[in-house]
Every structure is written in structure tokens, then in C-alpha cells.
């Protein structure tokens, strides 16, 4: 779940983006997976989903090697766009736990939150609208 104030709106990068609604200091935890709130699905569960639901996970989620699950944020975090000049990165926690995402530099209110999808094995050239 998000740990900072954000808003979603049109992004110059891709579709809808997630923007800071407050100044965020470098090192601030921005998002943490919370099993009681965020969505997780096993490989077997994913394979049994109808195509429209698979597409949802393919577009908004990611595979977690640490949890051996597909993860999808239940909040606006799913609208975080890719950039090679990311301002947020995952810091891995203990084995068996999903990491937490932190600001790697100061982020100003109104700035888009950006993540390098390659850091969790995604191919950003395959992201669709």
C-alpha cells in the first residue's frame, strides 16, 4: 500500500501516471506490499484465470520471485510508469518477504513517480495501453 500522498492523472510518459501529492524526501518508503490489502495470485491461480484477468495482471502486476506469486497493488501504485531515470526503487527485505519501494532522490510535489521495470524482470517495450 502507498505510504505517501499521491494522485493519478494523465502522464506524458504513458497513459495514466502516479504523481506525488506531497514532497517526498530521498529514502522515504513510498509503497509496501501488504498481503491483507494488495492482490497476490499463484502461478496456478494465474493460469486458471480468464484471459481478461490475465491481461490485468500482465499490465498492472508483476511476478515476485521472493514470494513466488504474481503481485498487483490494490491502490494507485499500479499506475507507476517505467523510466530508465527512475526516482523509486525496490529495497529487498528478508527472504520470503516482498521488498519495499523507496525514493532514491528527493521528489517534488507534482512530480511523476517512476520505476525502472527492468529491475523486476519486465520488458518495458512490451507494455501496452
Protein backbone atom coordinates (compact mmCIF):
# COMPACT_ATOMS: atom_id res chain seq x y z
CA UNK A 1 0.00 0.00 0.00
CA UNK A 2 1.08 3.54 -0.64
CA UNK A 3 2.75 5.27 2.29
CA UNK A 4 2.74 8.79 0.78
CA UNK A 5 0.05 11.05 -0.66
CA UNK A 6 -0.38 10.67 -4.42
CA UNK A 7 -2.80 11.45 -7.24
CA UNK A 8 -3.35 9.78 -10.61
CA UNK A 9 -3.65 11.78 -13.82
CA UNK A 10 -2.63 11.74 -17.47
CA UNK A 11 1.07 11.06 -17.96
CA UNK A 12 3.32 12.35 -20.73
CA UNK A 13 5.16 9.01 -20.46
CA UNK A 14 2.27 6.55 -20.83
CA UNK A 15 -1.48 6.67 -20.22
CA UNK A 16 -2.21 7.32 -16.57
CA UNK A 17 0.61 8.05 -14.15
CA UNK A 18 1.03 8.35 -10.40
CA UNK A 19 2.17 11.74 -9.10
CA UNK A 20 3.43 12.88 -5.71
CA UNK A 21 0.85 14.95 -3.81
CA UNK A 22 3.50 15.95 -1.27
CA UNK A 23 7.25 16.49 -1.26
CA UNK A 24 8.95 13.12 -0.71
CA UNK A 25 12.45 13.01 0.78
CA UNK A 26 15.13 10.65 -0.51
CA UNK A 27 14.92 7.34 1.40
CA UNK A 28 11.21 7.64 2.20
CA UNK A 29 9.25 4.40 1.94
CA UNK A 30 6.73 5.02 -0.82
CA UNK A 31 4.98 1.62 -1.16
CA UNK A 32 4.99 -1.68 0.72
CA UNK A 33 3.27 -4.95 -0.22
CA UNK A 34 0.62 -5.73 2.39
CA UNK A 35 -0.83 -9.21 2.00
CA UNK A 36 -4.15 -8.29 3.62
CA UNK A 37 -4.74 -5.47 1.14
CA UNK A 38 -2.79 -5.99 -2.08
CA UNK A 39 -3.59 -8.69 -4.63
CA UNK A 40 -1.49 -11.84 -4.98
CA UNK A 41 -2.04 -14.88 -7.19
CA UNK A 42 -0.04 -18.11 -7.53
CA UNK A 43 1.21 -19.34 -10.92
CA UNK A 44 -1.51 -21.96 -10.87
CA UNK A 45 -4.14 -19.38 -9.97
CA UNK A 46 -2.92 -17.09 -12.75
CA UNK A 47 -3.05 -19.91 -15.30
CA UNK A 48 -6.68 -20.66 -14.38
CA UNK A 49 -7.82 -17.04 -14.85
CA UNK A 50 -9.89 -15.94 -17.85
CA UNK A 51 -7.83 -14.05 -20.46
CA UNK A 52 -9.22 -10.64 -19.45
CA UNK A 53 -8.00 -11.15 -15.87
CA UNK A 54 -4.62 -12.44 -17.07
CA UNK A 55 -4.32 -9.25 -19.12
CA UNK A 56 -4.99 -7.21 -15.96
CA UNK A 57 -2.12 -8.93 -14.12
CA UNK A 58 0.14 -8.70 -17.19
CA UNK A 59 -0.48 -4.95 -17.43
CA UNK A 60 -0.70 -3.85 -13.79
CA UNK A 61 1.11 -6.56 -11.87
CA UNK A 62 4.48 -8.26 -11.71
CA UNK A 63 6.00 -11.59 -10.76
CA UNK A 64 7.68 -11.70 -7.31
CA UNK A 65 10.50 -14.23 -7.11
CA UNK A 66 10.66 -13.67 -3.35
CA UNK A 67 7.02 -14.59 -2.76
CA UNK A 68 6.60 -16.92 -5.75
CA UNK A 69 3.41 -15.01 -6.58
CA UNK A 70 2.02 -12.51 -9.04
CA UNK A 71 1.56 -9.19 -7.21
CA UNK A 72 -0.74 -6.32 -8.03
CA UNK A 73 -1.09 -3.19 -5.93
CA UNK A 74 -4.65 -2.59 -4.80
CA UNK A 75 -4.10 1.18 -4.90
CA UNK A 76 -2.71 3.76 -7.32
CA UNK A 77 0.78 2.22 -7.20
CA UNK A 78 -0.27 0.12 -10.21
CA UNK A 79 -0.14 3.32 -12.30
CA UNK A 80 3.58 3.86 -11.74
CA UNK A 81 5.21 4.17 -15.16
CA UNK A 82 8.58 2.94 -16.40
CA UNK A 83 11.62 5.16 -16.81
CA UNK A 84 15.32 4.43 -17.06
CA UNK A 85 15.62 7.57 -14.89
CA UNK A 86 13.52 6.12 -12.07
CA UNK A 87 13.02 8.04 -8.83
CA UNK A 88 11.79 4.99 -6.88
CA UNK A 89 13.47 1.60 -6.42
CA UNK A 90 12.71 -1.64 -4.56
CA UNK A 91 14.77 -2.42 -1.49
CA UNK A 92 14.55 -6.14 -0.79
CA UNK A 93 13.75 -7.31 2.69
CA UNK A 94 14.28 -10.72 4.26
CA UNK A 95 13.73 -13.83 2.16
CA UNK A 96 10.05 -14.68 1.93
CA UNK A 97 9.01 -11.02 2.12
CA UNK A 98 8.30 -8.68 -0.72
CA UNK A 99 10.52 -5.60 -0.83
CA UNK A 100 9.52 -2.06 -0.12
CA UNK A 101 9.79 0.75 -2.62
CA UNK A 102 11.73 3.86 -1.60
CA UNK A 103 12.53 7.24 -3.13
CA UNK A 104 16.11 7.25 -4.44
CA UNK A 105 16.18 11.04 -4.58
CA UNK A 106 14.03 13.92 -3.38
CA UNK A 107 10.72 14.02 -5.29
CA UNK A 108 8.78 17.28 -5.51
CA UNK A 109 5.00 17.53 -5.16
CA UNK A 110 3.51 17.18 -8.64
CA UNK A 111 6.38 15.04 -9.99
CA UNK A 112 5.54 11.66 -11.52
CA UNK A 113 6.71 8.61 -9.57
CA UNK A 114 8.76 6.43 -11.92
CA UNK A 115 10.11 2.90 -11.61
CA UNK A 116 12.58 1.02 -13.82
CA UNK A 117 10.53 -2.05 -14.78
CA UNK A 118 13.70 -3.89 -15.77
CA UNK A 119 14.62 -4.16 -12.07
CA UNK A 120 11.97 -6.84 -11.63
CA UNK A 121 12.46 -8.56 -14.97
CA UNK A 122 9.84 -6.77 -17.04
CA UNK A 123 10.41 -5.71 -20.64
CA UNK A 124 9.16 -2.09 -20.80
CA UNK A 125 8.97 -2.29 -24.62
CA UNK A 126 6.11 -4.79 -24.22
CA UNK A 127 3.90 -2.57 -22.06
CA UNK A 128 0.62 -1.98 -23.80
CA UNK A 129 -2.06 0.67 -23.36
